[in-house]
């Protein structure tokens, strides 16, 4: 029995959680360059922990460190009373 969600379901849940992070647009205009728009977390700090973790997971999975990710082949932990 697999402990993992099917990939489409896992992606849907991850993206839904990440969407709960309120962001605001920020304009930056470096000297000698054109304007750049980016998004940053809203300053009121209302993001919930799940949204923050989802954002970190997306950043990790789309970044260069993704190549360091390895599967864990340890047996599933059993529940104890």
C-alpha atoms as a PDB file:
ATOM      1  CA  UNK A   1       0.000   0.000   0.000  1.00  0.00           C
ATOM      2  CA  UNK A   2       1.475   3.346  -1.044  1.00  0.00           C
ATOM      3  CA  UNK A   3       1.817   6.113   1.554  1.00  0.00           C
ATOM      4  CA  UNK A   4       2.141   8.766  -1.138  1.00  0.00           C
ATOM      5  CA  UNK A   5      -0.635  10.686  -2.837  1.00  0.00           C
ATOM      6  CA  UNK A   6      -0.926  10.399  -6.606  1.00  0.00           C
ATOM      7  CA  UNK A   7       1.171  13.157  -8.190  1.00  0.00           C
ATOM      8  CA  UNK A   8      -1.759  15.245  -9.549  1.00  0.00           C
ATOM      9  CA  UNK A   9      -3.439  15.246  -6.110  1.00  0.00           C
ATOM     10  CA  UNK A  10      -0.171  16.108  -4.326  1.00  0.00           C
ATOM     11  CA  UNK A  11       0.477  19.015  -6.716  1.00  0.00           C
ATOM     12  CA  UNK A  12      -3.079  20.300  -6.323  1.00  0.00           C
ATOM     13  CA  UNK A  13      -2.834  20.273  -2.526  1.00  0.00           C
ATOM     14  CA  UNK A  14       0.606  21.897  -2.532  1.00  0.00           C
ATOM     15  CA  UNK A  15      -0.501  24.688  -4.865  1.00  0.00           C
ATOM     16  CA  UNK A  16      -3.707  25.291  -2.884  1.00  0.00           C
ATOM     17  CA  UNK A  17      -1.716  25.602   0.335  1.00  0.00           C
ATOM     18  CA  UNK A  18       0.832  27.954  -1.250  1.00  0.00           C
ATOM     19  CA  UNK A  19      -1.998  30.148  -2.546  1.00  0.00           C
ATOM     20  CA  UNK A  20      -2.964  30.941   1.046  1.00  0.00           C
ATOM     21  CA  UNK A  21       0.143  33.115   1.394  1.00  0.00           C
ATOM     22  CA  UNK A  22      -0.928  36.723   0.846  1.00  0.00           C
ATOM     23  CA  UNK A  23       1.574  38.575  -1.317  1.00  0.00           C
ATOM     24  CA  UNK A  24       2.000  42.130  -2.496  1.00  0.00           C
ATOM     25  CA  UNK A  25       3.704  43.469  -5.621  1.00  0.00           C
ATOM     26  CA  UNK A  26       6.972  45.343  -5.093  1.00  0.00           C
ATOM     27  CA  UNK A  27       8.534  47.623  -7.698  1.00  0.00           C
ATOM     28  CA  UNK A  28      12.314  47.918  -7.823  1.00  0.00           C
ATOM     29  CA  UNK A  29      14.203  50.178 -10.229  1.00  0.00           C
ATOM     30  CA  UNK A  30      17.957  49.546 -10.007  1.00  0.00           C
ATOM     31  CA  UNK A  31      20.359  52.219 -11.291  1.00  0.00           C
ATOM     32  CA  UNK A  32      21.207  51.655 -14.939  1.00  0.00           C
ATOM     33  CA  UNK A  33      18.455  49.099 -15.419  1.00  0.00           C
ATOM     34  CA  UNK A  34      14.764  48.935 -16.125  1.00  0.00           C
ATOM     35  CA  UNK A  35      12.002  48.456 -13.589  1.00  0.00           C
ATOM     36  CA  UNK A  36      11.513  45.011 -12.068  1.00  0.00           C
ATOM     37  CA  UNK A  37       8.350  43.740 -10.432  1.00  0.00           C
ATOM     38  CA  UNK A  38       8.422  40.946  -7.875  1.00  0.00           C
ATOM     39  CA  UNK A  39       6.086  39.613  -5.232  1.00  0.00           C
ATOM     40  CA  UNK A  40       6.809  39.364  -1.534  1.00  0.00           C
ATOM     41  CA  UNK A  41       4.817  38.190   1.476  1.00  0.00           C
ATOM     42  CA  UNK A  42       2.333  40.712   2.829  1.00  0.00           C
ATOM     43  CA  UNK A  43       3.841  42.722   5.687  1.00  0.00           C
ATOM     44  CA  UNK A  44       1.118  41.824   8.194  1.00  0.00           C
ATOM     45  CA  UNK A  45       2.470  38.267   8.584  1.00  0.00           C
ATOM     46  CA  UNK A  46      -0.896  36.544   8.137  1.00  0.00           C
ATOM     47  CA  UNK A  47       0.473  33.577   6.177  1.00  0.00           C
ATOM     48  CA  UNK A  48      -0.301  30.293   7.883  1.00  0.00           C
ATOM     49  CA  UNK A  49       2.367  27.677   8.506  1.00  0.00           C
ATOM     50  CA  UNK A  50       1.059  25.298   5.830  1.00  0.00           C
ATOM     51  CA  UNK A  51       1.224  28.056   3.206  1.00  0.00           C
ATOM     52  CA  UNK A  52       4.755  28.973   4.253  1.00  0.00           C
ATOM     53  CA  UNK A  53       5.893  25.343   4.072  1.00  0.00           C
ATOM     54  CA  UNK A  54       4.207  24.898   0.686  1.00  0.00           C
ATOM     55  CA  UNK A  55       6.021  27.970  -0.634  1.00  0.00           C
ATOM     56  CA  UNK A  56       9.342  26.587   0.639  1.00  0.00           C
ATOM     57  CA  UNK A  57       8.631  23.208  -0.990  1.00  0.00           C
ATOM     58  CA  UNK A  58       7.859  24.828  -4.341  1.00  0.00           C
ATOM     59  CA  UNK A  59      11.026  26.927  -4.135  1.00  0.00           C
ATOM     60  CA  UNK A  60      13.071  23.818  -3.309  1.00  0.00           C
ATOM     61  CA  UNK A  61      11.516  21.640  -6.027  1.00  0.00           C
ATOM     62  CA  UNK A  62      12.072  24.269  -8.730  1.00  0.00           C
ATOM     63  CA  UNK A  63      15.598  25.209  -7.649  1.00  0.00           C
ATOM     64  CA  UNK A  64      19.047  23.699  -8.159  1.00  0.00           C
ATOM     65  CA  UNK A  65      18.983  21.841  -4.814  1.00  0.00           C
ATOM     66  CA  UNK A  66      16.245  19.570  -6.187  1.00  0.00           C
ATOM     67  CA  UNK A  67      19.025  17.352  -7.594  1.00  0.00           C
ATOM     68  CA  UNK A  68      20.059  16.538  -4.006  1.00  0.00           C
ATOM     69  CA  UNK A  69      16.630  15.057  -3.146  1.00  0.00           C
ATOM     70  CA  UNK A  70      16.635  11.303  -2.551  1.00  0.00           C
ATOM     71  CA  UNK A  71      13.919   8.767  -1.730  1.00  0.00           C
ATOM     72  CA  UNK A  72      13.757   7.357   1.790  1.00  0.00           C
ATOM     73  CA  UNK A  73      13.481   3.571   1.788  1.00  0.00           C
ATOM     74  CA  UNK A  74      12.948   3.216   5.536  1.00  0.00           C
ATOM     75  CA  UNK A  75       9.958   1.111   6.601  1.00  0.00           C
ATOM     76  CA  UNK A  76       6.821   2.933   7.635  1.00  0.00           C
ATOM     77  CA  UNK A  77       6.662   3.798  11.318  1.00  0.00           C
ATOM     78  CA  UNK A  78       4.063   1.814  13.221  1.00  0.00           C
ATOM     79  CA  UNK A  79       1.581   3.506  15.527  1.00  0.00           C
ATOM     80  CA  UNK A  80       2.021   2.745  19.203  1.00  0.00           C
ATOM     81  CA  UNK A  81      -0.481   3.149  22.006  1.00  0.00           C
END
